[in-house]
Amino acid sequence: MHSNCSFIVRSNMKQSLDYTNPKQVVNFRDVGDFIKLISGIPIMPIKRLYRGGTIKYFSDISVIENPKTIFCLQKGHDPVMRGIRNVHFPILNDYEKYETETPEVRKWLRRIVGTIESGIEYPLYVHCLSGRDRTGVVIAALLRIIGVKEEEIIEEYNLSTGTEQMDYIYTALEGLRHLEFYFHGIDLQVVKGSLLG
């Protein structure tokens, strides 16, 4: 793990959680690019998987690098954008998303991973309101599936503004220890191949 990497990247990425700025999306980043920066090796292709906050306040899709597929984890739907498949995966705020061992969260994550298994177009953009909690759990699950080390997943998660309490992501990763059991019936090799291109 590159301990200086997190400090440098966080200081460059720090932004207020201004959801209404039409020129930037909170906590937006290219996951493959930052995993490469953290690990020192190109584990995942760049320009394939993006994460961040809500997209309700801008009209120029290039702000989020022109994805072909968007996974919206918010309660409300995203605006319709021509040429983009938007898949809605809401989960009630009653459920703690970091508690990945609960049946509700497991069902939610299985739907998301199953959609990737069924086939999607890339680039993929995954978002919730602030691109941190729900998005952080989903990205952690996807990174585990492709074999990223736990400490690198935690460091990538901590790049987001508002993730000062690391205990949450540890809880999420603990529930994802046994991927084959957790995602039983989903071909994780297909999912991994899809994510890695």
C-alpha atoms as a PDB file:
ATOM      1  CA  MET A   1       0.000   0.000   0.000  1.00  0.00           C
ATOM      2  CA  HIS A   2       1.286   3.454  -0.880  1.00  0.00           C
ATOM      3  CA  SER A   3       0.571   5.491   2.266  1.00  0.00           C
ATOM      4  CA  ASN A   4       1.611   8.790   0.673  1.00  0.00           C
ATOM      5  CA  CYS A   5      -0.652   8.136  -2.303  1.00  0.00           C
ATOM      6  CA  SER A   6      -3.822   8.507  -0.267  1.00  0.00           C
ATOM      7  CA  PHE A   7      -2.722  11.821   1.228  1.00  0.00           C
ATOM      8  CA  ILE A   8      -1.638  13.270  -2.119  1.00  0.00           C
ATOM      9  CA  VAL A   9      -4.734  12.099  -3.952  1.00  0.00           C
ATOM     10  CA  ARG A  10      -7.109  13.166  -1.172  1.00  0.00           C
ATOM     11  CA  SER A  11      -5.584  16.636  -1.039  1.00  0.00           C
ATOM     12  CA  ASN A  12      -6.010  16.963  -4.809  1.00  0.00           C
ATOM     13  CA  MET A  13      -9.545  15.533  -4.800  1.00  0.00           C
ATOM     14  CA  LYS A  14     -10.914  17.339  -1.755  1.00  0.00           C
ATOM     15  CA  GLN A  15     -14.049  19.148  -2.706  1.00  0.00           C
ATOM     16  CA  SER A  16     -17.069  20.276  -0.806  1.00  0.00           C
ATOM     17  CA  LEU A  17     -20.155  18.156  -1.219  1.00  0.00           C
ATOM     18  CA  ASP A  18     -21.803  20.640  -3.584  1.00  0.00           C
ATOM     19  CA  TYR A  19     -24.344  18.438  -5.357  1.00  0.00           C
ATOM     20  CA  THR A  20     -25.693  21.240  -7.542  1.00  0.00           C
ATOM     21  CA  ASN A  21     -22.467  22.291  -9.287  1.00  0.00           C
ATOM     22  CA  PRO A  22     -23.096  21.584 -13.005  1.00  0.00           C
ATOM     23  CA  LYS A  23     -19.358  21.416 -13.762  1.00  0.00           C
ATOM     24  CA  GLN A  24     -18.324  18.664 -11.355  1.00  0.00           C
ATOM     25  CA  VAL A  25     -19.728  15.610  -9.638  1.00  0.00           C
ATOM     26  CA  VAL A  26     -18.826  14.994  -5.993  1.00  0.00           C
ATOM     27  CA  ASN A  27     -16.346  12.193  -5.331  1.00  0.00           C
ATOM     28  CA  PHE A  28     -16.048  11.456  -9.059  1.00  0.00           C
ATOM     29  CA  ARG A  29     -13.123   9.300 -10.186  1.00  0.00           C
ATOM     30  CA  ASP A  30     -11.930   6.594 -12.545  1.00  0.00           C
ATOM     31  CA  VAL A  31     -11.675   3.510 -10.321  1.00  0.00           C
ATOM     32  CA  GLY A  32      -9.132   1.745 -12.557  1.00  0.00           C
ATOM     33  CA  ASP A  33      -6.895   4.799 -12.639  1.00  0.00           C
ATOM     34  CA  PHE A  34      -6.875   5.200  -8.861  1.00  0.00           C
ATOM     35  CA  ILE A  35      -6.418   1.482  -8.164  1.00  0.00           C
ATOM     36  CA  LYS A  36      -3.353   1.614 -10.431  1.00  0.00           C
ATOM     37  CA  LEU A  37      -2.068   4.646  -8.523  1.00  0.00           C
ATOM     38  CA  ILE A  38      -2.634   2.901  -5.180  1.00  0.00           C
ATOM     39  CA  SER A  39      -1.288  -0.556  -6.105  1.00  0.00           C
ATOM     40  CA  GLY A  40       1.397   0.488  -8.558  1.00  0.00           C
ATOM     41  CA  ILE A  41       0.142  -2.011 -11.151  1.00  0.00           C
ATOM     42  CA  PRO A  42      -2.619  -1.793 -13.787  1.00  0.00           C
ATOM     43  CA  ILE A  43      -5.130  -4.204 -12.225  1.00  0.00           C
ATOM     44  CA  MET A  44      -8.176  -2.767 -13.962  1.00  0.00           C
ATOM     45  CA  PRO A  45      -8.399  -0.876 -17.250  1.00  0.00           C
ATOM     46  CA  ILE A  46      -8.809   2.874 -16.998  1.00  0.00           C
ATOM     47  CA  LYS A  47     -11.883   4.572 -18.487  1.00  0.00           C
ATOM     48  CA  ARG A  48     -14.003   1.482 -17.758  1.00  0.00           C
ATOM     49  CA  LEU A  49     -15.477   1.947 -14.270  1.00  0.00           C
ATOM     50  CA  TYR A  50     -16.294   5.335 -12.756  1.00  0.00           C
ATOM     51  CA  ARG A  51     -17.837   6.259  -9.426  1.00  0.00           C
ATOM     52  CA  GLY A  52     -19.250   9.426  -7.933  1.00  0.00           C
ATOM     53  CA  GLY A  53     -22.269  11.366  -6.768  1.00  0.00           C
ATOM     54  CA  THR A  54     -25.610  12.367  -8.194  1.00  0.00           C
ATOM     55  CA  ILE A  55     -25.943  13.431 -11.826  1.00  0.00           C
ATOM     56  CA  LYS A  56     -29.199  15.355 -11.469  1.00  0.00           C
ATOM     57  CA  TYR A  57     -27.712  18.835 -11.779  1.00  0.00           C
ATOM     58  CA  PHE A  58     -25.805  18.815 -15.046  1.00  0.00           C
ATOM     59  CA  SER A  59     -26.647  18.360 -18.696  1.00  0.00           C
ATOM     60  CA  ASP A  60     -23.219  17.662 -20.208  1.00  0.00           C
ATOM     61  CA  ILE A  61     -22.571  13.926 -19.942  1.00  0.00           C
ATOM     62  CA  SER A  62     -18.849  14.469 -20.563  1.00  0.00           C
ATOM     63  CA  VAL A  63     -18.655  15.626 -16.913  1.00  0.00           C
ATOM     64  CA  ILE A  64     -18.782  11.896 -16.061  1.00  0.00           C
ATOM     65  CA  GLU A  65     -16.733  10.730 -19.065  1.00  0.00           C
ATOM     66  CA  ASN A  66     -19.621   9.641 -21.332  1.00  0.00           C
ATOM     67  CA  PRO A  67     -20.658   6.302 -19.820  1.00  0.00           C
ATOM     68  CA  LYS A  68     -22.720   3.789 -21.794  1.00  0.00           C
ATOM     69  CA  THR A  69     -24.312   2.391 -18.611  1.00  0.00           C
ATOM     70  CA  ILE A  70     -25.217   4.092 -15.335  1.00  0.00           C
ATOM     71  CA  PHE A  71     -26.104   2.273 -12.113  1.00  0.00           C
ATOM     72  CA  CYS A  72     -28.199   4.677 -10.024  1.00  0.00           C
ATOM     73  CA  LEU A  73     -28.273   3.645  -6.361  1.00  0.00           C
ATOM     74  CA  GLN A  74     -30.422   6.588  -5.246  1.00  0.00           C
ATOM     75  CA  LYS A  75     -34.079   6.377  -4.285  1.00  0.00           C
ATOM     76  CA  GLY A  76     -35.150   8.625  -7.164  1.00  0.00           C
ATOM     77  CA  HIS A  77     -34.501   7.967 -10.840  1.00  0.00           C
ATOM     78  CA  ASP A  78     -31.828   9.741 -12.883  1.00  0.00           C
ATOM     79  CA  PRO A  79     -32.803  12.016 -15.765  1.00  0.00           C
ATOM     80  CA  VAL A  80     -33.147  10.139 -19.062  1.00  0.00           C
ATOM     81  CA  MET A  81     -30.107  10.577 -21.311  1.00  0.00           C
ATOM     82  CA  ARG A  82     -30.095   9.465 -24.915  1.00  0.00           C
ATOM     83  CA  GLY A  83     -27.850   6.515 -25.721  1.00  0.00           C
ATOM     84  CA  ILE A  84     -27.268   5.590 -22.073  1.00  0.00           C
ATOM     85  CA  ARG A  85     -28.718   2.572 -20.286  1.00  0.00           C
ATOM     86  CA  ASN A  86     -29.665   3.666 -16.788  1.00  0.00           C
ATOM     87  CA  VAL A  87     -30.316   0.834 -14.332  1.00  0.00           C
ATOM     88  CA  HIS A  88     -31.965   1.755 -11.035  1.00  0.00           C
ATOM     89  CA  PHE A  89     -30.920  -0.117  -7.868  1.00  0.00           C
ATOM     90  CA  PRO A  90     -32.493   1.765  -4.954  1.00  0.00           C
ATOM     91  CA  ILE A  91     -32.234   0.479  -1.408  1.00  0.00           C
ATOM     92  CA  LEU A  92     -34.233   1.900   1.473  1.00  0.00           C
ATOM     93  CA  ASN A  93     -32.418   4.100   3.956  1.00  0.00           C
ATOM     94  CA  ASP A  94     -33.817   1.800   6.657  1.00  0.00           C
ATOM     95  CA  TYR A  95     -31.078  -0.674   5.726  1.00  0.00           C
ATOM     96  CA  GLU A  96     -27.461  -0.039   6.655  1.00  0.00           C
ATOM     97  CA  LYS A  97     -25.654  -0.653   3.367  1.00  0.00           C
ATOM     98  CA  TYR A  98     -22.352  -1.451   5.073  1.00  0.00           C
ATOM     99  CA  GLU A  99     -24.008  -4.430   6.799  1.00  0.00           C
ATOM    100  CA  THR A 100     -23.417  -6.695   3.804  1.00  0.00           C
ATOM    101  CA  GLU A 101     -24.376  -9.808   5.775  1.00  0.00           C
ATOM    102  CA  THR A 102     -28.026  -8.730   6.067  1.00  0.00           C
ATOM    103  CA  PRO A 103     -30.431 -10.409   3.614  1.00  0.00           C
ATOM    104  CA  GLU A 104     -31.640  -7.074   2.190  1.00  0.00           C
ATOM    105  CA  VAL A 105     -28.164  -5.778   1.374  1.00  0.00           C
ATOM    106  CA  ARG A 106     -27.090  -9.161   0.013  1.00  0.00           C
ATOM    107  CA  LYS A 107     -30.135  -9.256  -2.293  1.00  0.00           C
ATOM    108  CA  TRP A 108     -29.359  -5.693  -3.452  1.00  0.00           C
ATOM    109  CA  LEU A 109     -25.704  -6.488  -4.221  1.00  0.00           C
ATOM    110  CA  ARG A 110     -26.668  -9.735  -5.976  1.00  0.00           C
ATOM    111  CA  ARG A 111     -29.016  -7.790  -8.289  1.00  0.00           C
ATOM    112  CA  ILE A 112     -26.218  -5.387  -9.184  1.00  0.00           C
ATOM    113  CA  VAL A 113     -23.582  -8.070  -9.784  1.00  0.00           C
ATOM    114  CA  GLY A 114     -26.133 -10.217 -11.643  1.00  0.00           C
ATOM    115  CA  THR A 115     -26.805  -7.329 -14.020  1.00  0.00           C
ATOM    116  CA  ILE A 116     -23.099  -7.163 -14.855  1.00  0.00           C
ATOM    117  CA  GLU A 117     -23.086 -10.938 -15.380  1.00  0.00           C
ATOM    118  CA  SER A 118     -25.997 -10.577 -17.831  1.00  0.00           C
ATOM    119  CA  GLY A 119     -24.005  -8.087 -19.887  1.00  0.00           C
ATOM    120  CA  ILE A 120     -23.620  -4.319 -19.926  1.00  0.00           C
ATOM    121  CA  GLU A 121     -21.864  -1.776 -22.103  1.00  0.00           C
ATOM    122  CA  TYR A 122     -18.887   0.140 -20.776  1.00  0.00           C
ATOM    123  CA  PRO A 123     -17.873   2.605 -19.498  1.00  0.00           C
ATOM    124  CA  LEU A 124     -19.994   2.069 -16.382  1.00  0.00           C
ATOM    125  CA  TYR A 125     -20.764   4.878 -13.932  1.00  0.00           C
ATOM    126  CA  VAL A 126     -21.954   3.871 -10.427  1.00  0.00           C
ATOM    127  CA  HIS A 127     -23.421   6.570  -8.210  1.00  0.00           C
ATOM    128  CA  CYS A 128     -25.554   7.470  -5.224  1.00  0.00           C
ATOM    129  CA  LEU A 129     -26.093  10.964  -3.793  1.00  0.00           C
ATOM    130  CA  SER A 130     -22.540  11.614  -2.601  1.00  0.00           C
ATOM    131  CA  GLY A 131     -20.711   8.724  -4.267  1.00  0.00           C
ATOM    132  CA  ARG A 132     -19.526   7.424  -0.933  1.00  0.00           C
ATOM    133  CA  ASP A 133     -21.676   5.007   1.085  1.00  0.00           C
ATOM    134  CA  ARG A 134     -23.891   2.968  -1.263  1.00  0.00           C
ATOM    135  CA  THR A 135     -21.400   3.521  -4.073  1.00  0.00           C
ATOM    136  CA  GLY A 136     -18.501   2.618  -1.770  1.00  0.00           C
ATOM    137  CA  VAL A 137     -20.074  -0.729  -0.886  1.00  0.00           C
ATOM    138  CA  VAL A 138     -20.812  -1.594  -4.529  1.00  0.00           C
ATOM    139  CA  ILE A 139     -17.319  -0.617  -5.698  1.00  0.00           C
ATOM    140  CA  ALA A 140     -15.759  -2.592  -2.813  1.00  0.00           C
ATOM    141  CA  ALA A 141     -17.728  -5.686  -3.892  1.00  0.00           C
ATOM    142  CA  LEU A 142     -16.671  -5.282  -7.535  1.00  0.00           C
ATOM    143  CA  LEU A 143     -13.033  -4.765  -6.588  1.00  0.00           C
ATOM    144  CA  ARG A 144     -13.113  -7.899  -4.414  1.00  0.00           C
ATOM    145  CA  ILE A 145     -14.515  -9.857  -7.345  1.00  0.00           C
ATOM    146  CA  ILE A 146     -11.604  -8.849  -9.582  1.00  0.00           C
ATOM    147  CA  GLY A 147      -9.083  -9.699  -6.846  1.00  0.00           C
ATOM    148  CA  VAL A 148      -7.969  -6.300  -5.544  1.00  0.00           C
ATOM    149  CA  LYS A 149      -6.314  -6.541  -2.117  1.00  0.00           C
ATOM    150  CA  GLU A 150      -8.408  -5.498   0.863  1.00  0.00           C
ATOM    151  CA  GLU A 151      -6.038  -2.717   1.940  1.00  0.00           C
ATOM    152  CA  GLU A 152      -6.158  -1.250  -1.574  1.00  0.00           C
ATOM    153  CA  ILE A 153      -9.972  -1.366  -1.583  1.00  0.00           C
ATOM    154  CA  ILE A 154      -9.972   0.491   1.738  1.00  0.00           C
ATOM    155  CA  GLU A 155      -7.542   3.100   0.426  1.00  0.00           C
ATOM    156  CA  GLU A 156      -9.647   3.624  -2.719  1.00  0.00           C
ATOM    157  CA  TYR A 157     -12.776   3.981  -0.562  1.00  0.00           C
ATOM    158  CA  ASN A 158     -11.053   6.544   1.663  1.00  0.00           C
ATOM    159  CA  LEU A 159     -10.378   8.844  -1.288  1.00  0.00           C
ATOM    160  CA  SER A 160     -13.985  10.030  -1.032  1.00  0.00           C
ATOM    161  CA  THR A 161     -14.860  13.159   0.896  1.00  0.00           C
ATOM    162  CA  GLY A 162     -16.744  12.207   4.050  1.00  0.00           C
ATOM    163  CA  THR A 163     -15.187   8.760   4.649  1.00  0.00           C
ATOM    164  CA  GLU A 164     -13.299   9.670   7.790  1.00  0.00           C
ATOM    165  CA  GLN A 165     -14.703   6.629   9.647  1.00  0.00           C
ATOM    166  CA  MET A 166     -13.021   3.572   8.131  1.00  0.00           C
ATOM    167  CA  ASP A 167     -14.888   1.107  10.350  1.00  0.00           C
ATOM    168  CA  TYR A 168     -17.812   1.124   7.938  1.00  0.00           C
ATOM    169  CA  ILE A 169     -15.875  -0.248   4.978  1.00  0.00           C
ATOM    170  CA  TYR A 170     -14.259  -2.911   7.189  1.00  0.00           C
ATOM    171  CA  THR A 171     -17.770  -4.066   8.118  1.00  0.00           C
ATOM    172  CA  ALA A 172     -18.775  -4.241   4.454  1.00  0.00           C
ATOM    173  CA  LEU A 173     -15.661  -6.196   3.470  1.00  0.00           C
ATOM    174  CA  GLU A 174     -16.112  -8.621   6.359  1.00  0.00           C
ATOM    175  CA  GLY A 175     -19.496  -9.629   4.946  1.00  0.00           C
ATOM    176  CA  LEU A 176     -17.918 -10.169   1.519  1.00  0.00           C
ATOM    177  CA  ARG A 177     -15.207 -12.611   2.670  1.00  0.00           C
ATOM    178  CA  HIS A 178     -16.671 -15.677   0.934  1.00  0.00           C
ATOM    179  CA  LEU A 179     -17.602 -14.403  -2.524  1.00  0.00           C
ATOM    180  CA  GLU A 180     -18.601 -17.762  -4.037  1.00  0.00           C
ATOM    181  CA  PHE A 181     -21.099 -18.328  -1.225  1.00  0.00           C
ATOM    182  CA  TYR A 182     -22.292 -14.709  -1.137  1.00  0.00           C
ATOM    183  CA  PHE A 183     -22.944 -14.583  -4.883  1.00  0.00           C
ATOM    184  CA  HIS A 184     -23.960 -18.256  -5.240  1.00  0.00           C
ATOM    185  CA  GLY A 185     -25.541 -18.852  -8.649  1.00  0.00           C
ATOM    186  CA  ILE A 186     -23.740 -15.911 -10.267  1.00  0.00           C
ATOM    187  CA  ASP A 187     -20.729 -16.726 -12.447  1.00  0.00           C
ATOM    188  CA  LEU A 188     -18.095 -14.493 -10.892  1.00  0.00           C
ATOM    189  CA  GLN A 189     -15.592 -15.328 -13.636  1.00  0.00           C
ATOM    190  CA  VAL A 190     -18.015 -13.824 -16.158  1.00  0.00           C
ATOM    191  CA  VAL A 191     -18.412 -10.750 -13.940  1.00  0.00           C
ATOM    192  CA  LYS A 192     -14.636 -10.431 -13.528  1.00  0.00           C
ATOM    193  CA  GLY A 193     -14.102 -10.807 -17.268  1.00  0.00           C
ATOM    194  CA  SER A 194     -16.725  -8.149 -17.928  1.00  0.00           C
ATOM    195  CA  LEU A 195     -15.167  -5.676 -15.495  1.00  0.00           C
ATOM    196  CA  LEU A 196     -11.655  -6.261 -16.794  1.00  0.00           C
ATOM    197  CA  GLY A 197     -12.652  -6.159 -20.460  1.00  0.00           C
END
